[in-house]
Amino acid sequence: MLKIRLTRMGDKKSPFYRINVADSKSPRDGRFVDQIGTYNPITVPAQIDIDADKAKAWIAKGAQPTDTVRDLLANAGIIEKKAKPAKTNAIKKKKD
């Protein structure tokens, strides 16, 4: 299965990430199929550069974004935000 995920680059305590399409079984910083963007969380505001056409094409081919990448893609307006489930009162009080 193909995943769209972050690959860590940069120095110690100065992270910089590439957004890559990779096989889910390959290591985090290992072999990848395609690079579709970059993410720099250190800058204020965080700098996100994503090739929207490549991202949409890989998602159409079946690549699954990780949770973090899904949030980055949603913030960039490439995909829709994942709907959060409604809060319910799951805890019921004991009857005395």
PDB file of N, CA and C in Angstrom:
ATOM      1  N   MET A   1       0.834  -1.169   0.000  1.00  0.00           N
ATOM      2  CA  MET A   1       0.000   0.000   0.000  1.00  0.00           C
ATOM      3  C   MET A   1       0.888   1.244   0.000  1.00  0.00           C
ATOM      4  N   LEU A   2       0.503   2.213  -0.791  1.00  0.00           N
ATOM      5  CA  LEU A   2       1.252   3.467  -0.850  1.00  0.00           C
ATOM      6  C   LEU A   2       0.723   4.444   0.188  1.00  0.00           C
ATOM      7  N   LYS A   3       1.649   5.144   0.826  1.00  0.00           N
ATOM      8  CA  LYS A   3       1.303   6.147   1.829  1.00  0.00           C
ATOM      9  C   LYS A   3       1.906   7.482   1.415  1.00  0.00           C
ATOM     10  N   ILE A   4       1.186   8.553   1.706  1.00  0.00           N
ATOM     11  CA  ILE A   4       1.740   9.895   1.564  1.00  0.00           C
ATOM     12  C   ILE A   4       2.139  10.294   2.972  1.00  0.00           C
ATOM     13  N   ARG A   5       3.441  10.467   3.194  1.00  0.00           N
ATOM     14  CA  ARG A   5       3.925  10.692   4.553  1.00  0.00           C
ATOM     15  C   ARG A   5       5.108  11.649   4.574  1.00  0.00           C
ATOM     16  N   LEU A   6       5.505  12.013   5.793  1.00  0.00           N
ATOM     17  CA  LEU A   6       6.612  12.942   5.984  1.00  0.00           C
ATOM     18  C   LEU A   6       7.927  12.189   6.112  1.00  0.00           C
ATOM     19  N   THR A   7       8.972  12.741   5.504  1.00  0.00           N
ATOM     20  CA  THR A   7      10.330  12.237   5.637  1.00  0.00           C
ATOM     21  C   THR A   7      11.147  13.333   6.299  1.00  0.00           C
ATOM     22  N   ARG A   8      11.789  13.014   7.418  1.00  0.00           N
ATOM     23  CA  ARG A   8      12.501  14.041   8.187  1.00  0.00           C
ATOM     24  C   ARG A   8      13.852  14.351   7.563  1.00  0.00           C
ATOM     25  N   MET A   9      14.109  15.638   7.442  1.00  0.00           N
ATOM     26  CA  MET A   9      15.386  16.140   6.955  1.00  0.00           C
ATOM     27  C   MET A   9      15.851  17.195   7.960  1.00  0.00           C
ATOM     28  N   GLY A  10      16.915  17.884   7.664  1.00  0.00           N
ATOM     29  CA  GLY A  10      17.376  18.969   8.520  1.00  0.00           C
ATOM     30  C   GLY A  10      18.329  18.496   9.598  1.00  0.00           C
ATOM     31  N   ASP A  11      18.744  19.439  10.433  1.00  0.00           N
ATOM     32  CA  ASP A  11      19.702  19.165  11.498  1.00  0.00           C
ATOM     33  C   ASP A  11      18.996  18.752  12.778  1.00  0.00           C
ATOM     34  N   LYS A  12      19.820  18.412  13.766  1.00  0.00           N
ATOM     35  CA  LYS A  12      19.282  18.082  15.071  1.00  0.00           C
ATOM     36  C   LYS A  12      18.577  19.307  15.656  1.00  0.00           C
ATOM     37  N   LYS A  13      17.392  19.118  16.157  1.00  0.00           N
ATOM     38  CA  LYS A  13      16.546  20.159  16.750  1.00  0.00           C
ATOM     39  C   LYS A  13      16.158  21.246  15.751  1.00  0.00           C
ATOM     40  N   SER A  14      16.274  20.960  14.478  1.00  0.00           N
ATOM     41  CA  SER A  14      15.848  21.875  13.425  1.00  0.00           C
ATOM     42  C   SER A  14      15.209  21.055  12.304  1.00  0.00           C
ATOM     43  N   PRO A  15      14.014  20.523  12.554  1.00  0.00           N
ATOM     44  CA  PRO A  15      13.413  19.611  11.581  1.00  0.00           C
ATOM     45  C   PRO A  15      12.909  20.322  10.330  1.00  0.00           C
ATOM     46  N   PHE A  16      12.963  19.602   9.241  1.00  0.00           N
ATOM     47  CA  PHE A  16      12.438  20.019   7.954  1.00  0.00           C
ATOM     48  C   PHE A  16      11.924  18.743   7.310  1.00  0.00           C
ATOM     49  N   TYR A  17      10.750  18.775   6.738  1.00  0.00           N
ATOM     50  CA  TYR A  17      10.148  17.547   6.227  1.00  0.00           C
ATOM     51  C   TYR A  17       9.874  17.635   4.735  1.00  0.00           C
ATOM     52  N   ARG A  18      10.039  16.512   4.065  1.00  0.00           N
ATOM     53  CA  ARG A  18       9.593  16.357   2.686  1.00  0.00           C
ATOM     54  C   ARG A  18       8.319  15.527   2.718  1.00  0.00           C
ATOM     55  N   ILE A  19       7.374  15.870   1.872  1.00  0.00           N
ATOM     56  CA  ILE A  19       6.135  15.101   1.767  1.00  0.00           C
ATOM     57  C   ILE A  19       6.324  14.153   0.595  1.00  0.00           C
ATOM     58  N   ASN A  20       6.417  12.852   0.908  1.00  0.00           N
ATOM     59  CA  ASN A  20       6.729  11.839  -0.089  1.00  0.00           C
ATOM     60  C   ASN A  20       5.624  10.807  -0.203  1.00  0.00           C
ATOM     61  N   VAL A  21       5.571  10.174  -1.365  1.00  0.00           N
ATOM     62  CA  VAL A  21       4.733   8.998  -1.573  1.00  0.00           C
ATOM     63  C   VAL A  21       5.672   7.807  -1.489  1.00  0.00           C
ATOM     64  N   ALA A  22       5.370   6.877  -0.562  1.00  0.00           N
ATOM     65  CA  ALA A  22       6.262   5.741  -0.348  1.00  0.00           C
ATOM     66  C   ALA A  22       5.450   4.501  -0.029  1.00  0.00           C
ATOM     67  N   ASP A  23       6.071   3.344  -0.225  1.00  0.00           N
ATOM     68  CA  ASP A  23       5.457   2.089   0.186  1.00  0.00           C
ATOM     69  C   ASP A  23       5.390   2.076   1.706  1.00  0.00           C
ATOM     70  N   SER A  24       4.293   1.567   2.246  1.00  0.00           N
ATOM     71  CA  SER A  24       4.108   1.595   3.699  1.00  0.00           C
ATOM     72  C   SER A  24       5.124   0.735   4.436  1.00  0.00           C
ATOM     73  N   LYS A  25       5.757  -0.210   3.746  1.00  0.00           N
ATOM     74  CA  LYS A  25       6.722  -1.095   4.396  1.00  0.00           C
ATOM     75  C   LYS A  25       8.148  -0.549   4.375  1.00  0.00           C
ATOM     76  N   SER A  26       8.398   0.509   3.616  1.00  0.00           N
ATOM     77  CA  SER A  26       9.750   1.064   3.560  1.00  0.00           C
ATOM     78  C   SER A  26       9.998   1.948   4.784  1.00  0.00           C
ATOM     79  N   PRO A  27      11.263   2.133   5.182  1.00  0.00           N
ATOM     80  CA  PRO A  27      11.571   2.953   6.359  1.00  0.00           C
ATOM     81  C   PRO A  27      11.144   4.410   6.174  1.00  0.00           C
ATOM     82  N   ARG A  28      11.005   5.114   7.279  1.00  0.00           N
ATOM     83  CA  ARG A  28      10.548   6.507   7.250  1.00  0.00           C
ATOM     84  C   ARG A  28      11.402   7.367   6.330  1.00  0.00           C
ATOM     85  N   ASP A  29      12.708   7.254   6.439  1.00  0.00           N
ATOM     86  CA  ASP A  29      13.611   8.062   5.628  1.00  0.00           C
ATOM     87  C   ASP A  29      14.205   7.268   4.468  1.00  0.00           C
ATOM     88  N   GLY A  30      13.577   6.163   4.117  1.00  0.00           N
ATOM     89  CA  GLY A  30      14.116   5.279   3.091  1.00  0.00           C
ATOM     90  C   GLY A  30      13.578   5.577   1.703  1.00  0.00           C
ATOM     91  N   ARG A  31      13.434   4.521   0.928  1.00  0.00           N
ATOM     92  CA  ARG A  31      13.031   4.614  -0.464  1.00  0.00           C
ATOM     93  C   ARG A  31      11.633   5.220  -0.591  1.00  0.00           C
ATOM     94  N   PHE A  32      11.468   6.089  -1.585  1.00  0.00           N
ATOM     95  CA  PHE A  32      10.163   6.675  -1.856  1.00  0.00           C
ATOM     96  C   PHE A  32       9.907   6.674  -3.354  1.00  0.00           C
ATOM     97  N   VAL A  33       8.641   6.834  -3.733  1.00  0.00           N
ATOM     98  CA  VAL A  33       8.238   6.793  -5.133  1.00  0.00           C
ATOM     99  C   VAL A  33       8.278   8.187  -5.756  1.00  0.00           C
ATOM    100  N   ASP A  34       7.754   9.184  -5.034  1.00  0.00           N
ATOM    101  CA  ASP A  34       7.663  10.533  -5.580  1.00  0.00           C
ATOM    102  C   ASP A  34       7.659  11.550  -4.440  1.00  0.00           C
ATOM    103  N   GLN A  35       8.252  12.708  -4.674  1.00  0.00           N
ATOM    104  CA  GLN A  35       8.208  13.799  -3.702  1.00  0.00           C
ATOM    105  C   GLN A  35       7.178  14.806  -4.184  1.00  0.00           C
ATOM    106  N   ILE A  36       6.205  15.130  -3.324  1.00  0.00           N
ATOM    107  CA  ILE A  36       5.135  16.030  -3.752  1.00  0.00           C
ATOM    108  C   ILE A  36       5.152  17.372  -3.031  1.00  0.00           C
ATOM    109  N   GLY A  37       6.050  17.545  -2.054  1.00  0.00           N
ATOM    110  CA  GLY A  37       6.089  18.832  -1.381  1.00  0.00           C
ATOM    111  C   GLY A  37       7.059  18.866  -0.220  1.00  0.00           C
ATOM    112  N   THR A  38       7.044  20.011   0.489  1.00  0.00           N
ATOM    113  CA  THR A  38       7.894  20.198   1.659  1.00  0.00           C
ATOM    114  C   THR A  38       7.078  20.856   2.766  1.00  0.00           C
ATOM    115  N   TYR A  39       7.573  20.691   4.011  1.00  0.00           N
ATOM    116  CA  TYR A  39       6.925  21.275   5.184  1.00  0.00           C
ATOM    117  C   TYR A  39       8.006  21.714   6.155  1.00  0.00           C
ATOM    118  N   ASN A  40       8.002  23.009   6.506  1.00  0.00           N
ATOM    119  CA  ASN A  40       8.977  23.556   7.443  1.00  0.00           C
ATOM    120  C   ASN A  40       8.229  24.114   8.653  1.00  0.00           C
ATOM    121  N   PRO A  41       8.169  23.350   9.766  1.00  0.00           N
ATOM    122  CA  PRO A  41       7.413  23.800  10.932  1.00  0.00           C
ATOM    123  C   PRO A  41       8.124  24.870  11.758  1.00  0.00           C
ATOM    124  N   ILE A  42       9.401  25.138  11.498  1.00  0.00           N
ATOM    125  CA  ILE A  42      10.170  26.080  12.298  1.00  0.00           C
ATOM    126  C   ILE A  42       9.804  27.531  11.972  1.00  0.00           C
ATOM    127  N   THR A  43       9.525  27.828  10.721  1.00  0.00           N
ATOM    128  CA  THR A  43       9.195  29.199  10.342  1.00  0.00           C
ATOM    129  C   THR A  43       7.854  29.603  10.946  1.00  0.00           C
ATOM    130  N   VAL A  44       7.679  30.903  11.132  1.00  0.00           N
ATOM    131  CA  VAL A  44       6.415  31.407  11.676  1.00  0.00           C
ATOM    132  C   VAL A  44       5.790  32.305  10.633  1.00  0.00           C
ATOM    133  N   PRO A  45       4.662  31.948  10.044  1.00  0.00           N
ATOM    134  CA  PRO A  45       3.936  30.686  10.178  1.00  0.00           C
ATOM    135  C   PRO A  45       4.647  29.561   9.434  1.00  0.00           C
ATOM    136  N   ALA A  46       4.246  28.331   9.730  1.00  0.00           N
ATOM    137  CA  ALA A  46       4.881  27.164   9.114  1.00  0.00           C
ATOM    138  C   ALA A  46       4.736  27.232   7.595  1.00  0.00           C
ATOM    139  N   GLN A  47       5.808  26.899   6.894  1.00  0.00           N
ATOM    140  CA  GLN A  47       5.826  26.970   5.440  1.00  0.00           C
ATOM    141  C   GLN A  47       5.477  25.604   4.863  1.00  0.00           C
ATOM    142  N   ILE A  48       4.430  25.567   4.032  1.00  0.00           N
ATOM    143  CA  ILE A  48       3.984  24.325   3.406  1.00  0.00           C
ATOM    144  C   ILE A  48       3.940  24.555   1.902  1.00  0.00           C
ATOM    145  N   ASP A  49       4.706  23.778   1.147  1.00  0.00           N
ATOM    146  CA  ASP A  49       4.699  23.830  -0.315  1.00  0.00           C
ATOM    147  C   ASP A  49       4.305  22.455  -0.825  1.00  0.00           C
ATOM    148  N   ILE A  50       3.131  22.363  -1.458  1.00  0.00           N
ATOM    149  CA  ILE A  50       2.636  21.079  -1.949  1.00  0.00           C
ATOM    150  C   ILE A  50       2.206  21.247  -3.397  1.00  0.00           C
ATOM    151  N   ASP A  51       2.600  20.300  -4.248  1.00  0.00           N
ATOM    152  CA  ASP A  51       2.141  20.263  -5.631  1.00  0.00           C
ATOM    153  C   ASP A  51       0.749  19.625  -5.616  1.00  0.00           C
ATOM    154  N   ALA A  52      -0.284  20.449  -5.731  1.00  0.00           N
ATOM    155  CA  ALA A  52      -1.665  19.984  -5.593  1.00  0.00           C
ATOM    156  C   ALA A  52      -2.028  18.946  -6.655  1.00  0.00           C
ATOM    157  N   ASP A  53      -1.547  19.137  -7.884  1.00  0.00           N
ATOM    158  CA  ASP A  53      -1.875  18.191  -8.954  1.00  0.00           C
ATOM    159  C   ASP A  53      -1.315  16.805  -8.658  1.00  0.00           C
ATOM    160  N   LYS A  54      -0.053  16.758  -8.199  1.00  0.00           N
ATOM    161  CA  LYS A  54       0.551  15.466  -7.862  1.00  0.00           C
ATOM    162  C   LYS A  54      -0.171  14.817  -6.687  1.00  0.00           C
ATOM    163  N   ALA A  55      -0.510  15.609  -5.674  1.00  0.00           N
ATOM    164  CA  ALA A  55      -1.184  15.065  -4.492  1.00  0.00           C
ATOM    165  C   ALA A  55      -2.533  14.464  -4.871  1.00  0.00           C
ATOM    166  N   LYS A  56      -3.317  15.193  -5.654  1.00  0.00           N
ATOM    167  CA  LYS A  56      -4.630  14.683  -6.076  1.00  0.00           C
ATOM    168  C   LYS A  56      -4.479  13.437  -6.944  1.00  0.00           C
ATOM    169  N   ALA A  57      -3.460  13.424  -7.810  1.00  0.00           N
ATOM    170  CA  ALA A  57      -3.244  12.264  -8.678  1.00  0.00           C
ATOM    171  C   ALA A  57      -2.903  11.024  -7.858  1.00  0.00           C
ATOM    172  N   TRP A  58      -2.027  11.169  -6.854  1.00  0.00           N
ATOM    173  CA  TRP A  58      -1.651  10.013  -6.039  1.00  0.00           C
ATOM    174  C   TRP A  58      -2.811   9.539  -5.173  1.00  0.00           C
ATOM    175  N   ILE A  59      -3.616  10.465  -4.671  1.00  0.00           N
ATOM    176  CA  ILE A  59      -4.784  10.057  -3.885  1.00  0.00           C
ATOM    177  C   ILE A  59      -5.778   9.325  -4.779  1.00  0.00           C
ATOM    178  N   ALA A  60      -5.930   9.789  -6.021  1.00  0.00           N
ATOM    179  CA  ALA A  60      -6.821   9.110  -6.968  1.00  0.00           C
ATOM    180  C   ALA A  60      -6.318   7.709  -7.305  1.00  0.00           C
ATOM    181  N   LYS A  61      -5.000   7.515  -7.271  1.00  0.00           N
ATOM    182  CA  LYS A  61      -4.422   6.195  -7.543  1.00  0.00           C
ATOM    183  C   LYS A  61      -4.502   5.275  -6.337  1.00  0.00           C
ATOM    184  N   GLY A  62      -4.931   5.798  -5.174  1.00  0.00           N
ATOM    185  CA  GLY A  62      -5.114   4.954  -4.004  1.00  0.00           C
ATOM    186  C   GLY A  62      -4.130   5.170  -2.878  1.00  0.00           C
ATOM    187  N   ALA A  63      -3.252   6.151  -2.986  1.00  0.00           N
ATOM    188  CA  ALA A  63      -2.306   6.425  -1.901  1.00  0.00           C
ATOM    189  C   ALA A  63      -3.057   7.014  -0.710  1.00  0.00           C
ATOM    190  N   GLN A  64      -2.740   6.521   0.487  1.00  0.00           N
ATOM    191  CA  GLN A  64      -3.408   6.960   1.710  1.00  0.00           C
ATOM    192  C   GLN A  64      -2.518   7.947   2.464  1.00  0.00           C
ATOM    193  N   PRO A  65      -2.993   9.176   2.716  1.00  0.00           N
ATOM    194  CA  PRO A  65      -2.181  10.105   3.504  1.00  0.00           C
ATOM    195  C   PRO A  65      -2.216   9.737   4.984  1.00  0.00           C
ATOM    196  N   THR A  66      -1.107   9.972   5.680  1.00  0.00           N
ATOM    197  CA  THR A  66      -1.090   9.775   7.125  1.00  0.00           C
ATOM    198  C   THR A  66      -1.923  10.889   7.762  1.00  0.00           C
ATOM    199  N   ASP A  67      -2.196  10.768   9.056  1.00  0.00           N
ATOM    200  CA  ASP A  67      -3.030  11.759   9.734  1.00  0.00           C
ATOM    201  C   ASP A  67      -2.436  13.164   9.642  1.00  0.00           C
ATOM    202  N   THR A  68      -1.133  13.275   9.864  1.00  0.00           N
ATOM    203  CA  THR A  68      -0.481  14.584   9.811  1.00  0.00           C
ATOM    204  C   THR A  68      -0.533  15.163   8.404  1.00  0.00           C
ATOM    205  N   VAL A  69      -0.252  14.343   7.413  1.00  0.00           N
ATOM    206  CA  VAL A  69      -0.276  14.822   6.028  1.00  0.00           C
ATOM    207  C   VAL A  69      -1.705  15.156   5.617  1.00  0.00           C
ATOM    208  N   ARG A  70      -2.675  14.387   6.088  1.00  0.00           N
ATOM    209  CA  ARG A  70      -4.077  14.688   5.789  1.00  0.00           C
ATOM    210  C   ARG A  70      -4.439  16.080   6.316  1.00  0.00           C
ATOM    211  N   ASP A  71      -3.982  16.411   7.523  1.00  0.00           N
ATOM    212  CA  ASP A  71      -4.242  17.739   8.080  1.00  0.00           C
ATOM    213  C   ASP A  71      -3.548  18.830   7.263  1.00  0.00           C
ATOM    214  N   LEU A  72      -2.316  18.578   6.830  1.00  0.00           N
ATOM    215  CA  LEU A  72      -1.595  19.558   6.010  1.00  0.00           C
ATOM    216  C   LEU A  72      -2.294  19.772   4.668  1.00  0.00           C
ATOM    217  N   LEU A  73      -2.744  18.687   4.040  1.00  0.00           N
ATOM    218  CA  LEU A  73      -3.447  18.794   2.764  1.00  0.00           C
ATOM    219  C   LEU A  73      -4.776  19.522   2.934  1.00  0.00           C
ATOM    220  N   ALA A  74      -5.466  19.265   4.040  1.00  0.00           N
ATOM    221  CA  ALA A  74      -6.740  19.939   4.295  1.00  0.00           C
ATOM    222  C   ALA A  74      -6.526  21.432   4.540  1.00  0.00           C
ATOM    223  N   ASN A  75      -5.488  21.786   5.286  1.00  0.00           N
ATOM    224  CA  ASN A  75      -5.197  23.199   5.537  1.00  0.00           C
ATOM    225  C   ASN A  75      -4.800  23.930   4.260  1.00  0.00           C
ATOM    226  N   ALA A  76      -4.190  23.208   3.324  1.00  0.00           N
ATOM    227  CA  ALA A  76      -3.811  23.805   2.043  1.00  0.00           C
ATOM    228  C   ALA A  76      -4.992  23.856   1.074  1.00  0.00           C
ATOM    229  N   GLY A  77      -6.114  23.222   1.434  1.00  0.00           N
ATOM    230  CA  GLY A  77      -7.304  23.240   0.594  1.00  0.00           C
ATOM    231  C   GLY A  77      -7.286  22.218  -0.521  1.00  0.00           C
ATOM    232  N   ILE A  78      -6.433  21.214  -0.429  1.00  0.00           N
ATOM    233  CA  ILE A  78      -6.323  20.206  -1.481  1.00  0.00           C
ATOM    234  C   ILE A  78      -7.372  19.114  -1.304  1.00  0.00           C
ATOM    235  N   ILE A  79      -7.612  18.717  -0.056  1.00  0.00           N
ATOM    236  CA  ILE A  79      -8.660  17.739   0.232  1.00  0.00           C
ATOM    237  C   ILE A  79      -9.573  18.322   1.302  1.00  0.00           C
ATOM    238  N   GLU A  80     -10.718  17.665   1.510  1.00  0.00           N
ATOM    239  CA  GLU A  80     -11.656  18.121   2.535  1.00  0.00           C
ATOM    240  C   GLU A  80     -11.176  17.687   3.903  1.00  0.00           C
ATOM    241  N   LYS A  81     -11.503  18.493   4.905  1.00  0.00           N
ATOM    242  CA  LYS A  81     -11.141  18.137   6.270  1.00  0.00           C
ATOM    243  C   LYS A  81     -11.952  16.934   6.711  1.00  0.00           C
ATOM    244  N   LYS A  82     -11.321  16.094   7.508  1.00  0.00           N
ATOM    245  CA  LYS A  82     -11.988  14.911   8.027  1.00  0.00           C
ATOM    246  C   LYS A  82     -12.997  15.352   9.082  1.00  0.00           C
ATOM    247  N   ALA A  83     -14.222  14.881   8.953  1.00  0.00           N
ATOM    248  CA  ALA A  83     -15.264  15.259   9.902  1.00  0.00           C
ATOM    249  C   ALA A  83     -15.010  14.599  11.250  1.00  0.00           C
ATOM    250  N   LYS A  84     -15.124  15.394  12.298  1.00  0.00           N
ATOM    251  CA  LYS A  84     -14.952  14.850  13.636  1.00  0.00           C
ATOM    252  C   LYS A  84     -16.286  14.283  14.102  1.00  0.00           C
ATOM    253  N   PRO A  85     -16.273  13.149  14.801  1.00  0.00           N
ATOM    254  CA  PRO A  85     -17.532  12.597  15.289  1.00  0.00           C
ATOM    255  C   PRO A  85     -18.149  13.510  16.348  1.00  0.00           C
ATOM    256  N   ALA A  86     -19.467  13.521  16.381  1.00  0.00           N
ATOM    257  CA  ALA A  86     -20.165  14.357  17.350  1.00  0.00           C
ATOM    258  C   ALA A  86     -19.958  13.816  18.755  1.00  0.00           C
ATOM    259  N   LYS A  87     -19.882  14.722  19.711  1.00  0.00           N
ATOM    260  CA  LYS A  87     -19.707  14.301  21.093  1.00  0.00           C
ATOM    261  C   LYS A  87     -21.025  13.752  21.619  1.00  0.00           C
ATOM    262  N   THR A  88     -20.934  12.664  22.360  1.00  0.00           N
ATOM    263  CA  THR A  88     -22.117  12.076  22.979  1.00  0.00           C
ATOM    264  C   THR A  88     -21.843  11.852  24.453  1.00  0.00           C
ATOM    265  N   ASN A  89     -22.875  11.690  25.198  1.00  0.00           N
ATOM    266  CA  ASN A  89     -22.744  11.397  26.619  1.00  0.00           C
ATOM    267  C   ASN A  89     -22.699   9.885  26.782  1.00  0.00           C
ATOM    268  N   ALA A  90     -21.542   9.317  26.612  1.00  0.00           N
ATOM    269  CA  ALA A  90     -21.387   7.868  26.659  1.00  0.00           C
ATOM    270  C   ALA A  90     -21.389   7.335  28.088  1.00  0.00           C
ATOM    271  N   ILE A  91     -21.036   8.166  29.038  1.00  0.00           N
ATOM    272  CA  ILE A  91     -20.985   7.726  30.431  1.00  0.00           C
ATOM    273  C   ILE A  91     -22.366   7.925  31.047  1.00  0.00           C
ATOM    274  N   LYS A  92     -22.911   6.835  31.543  1.00  0.00           N
ATOM    275  CA  LYS A  92     -24.227   6.903  32.176  1.00  0.00           C
ATOM    276  C   LYS A  92     -24.051   6.843  33.684  1.00  0.00           C
ATOM    277  N   LYS A  93     -24.852   7.604  34.377  1.00  0.00           N
ATOM    278  CA  LYS A  93     -24.771   7.637  35.829  1.00  0.00           C
ATOM    279  C   LYS A  93     -25.414   6.391  36.423  1.00  0.00           C
ATOM    280  N   LYS A  94     -24.846   5.952  37.541  1.00  0.00           N
ATOM    281  CA  LYS A  94     -25.406   4.812  38.261  1.00  0.00           C
ATOM    282  C   LYS A  94     -26.687   5.232  38.958  1.00  0.00           C
ATOM    283  N   LYS A  95     -27.606   4.303  38.991  1.00  0.00           N
ATOM    284  CA  LYS A  95     -28.833   4.554  39.743  1.00  0.00           C
ATOM    285  C   LYS A  95     -28.656   3.985  41.138  1.00  0.00           C
ATOM    286  N   ASP A  96     -28.967   4.779  42.148  1.00  0.00           N
ATOM    287  CA  ASP A  96     -28.819   4.320  43.535  1.00  0.00           C
ATOM    288  C   ASP A  96     -30.085   3.672  44.039  1.00  0.00           C
TER     289      ASP A  96
END
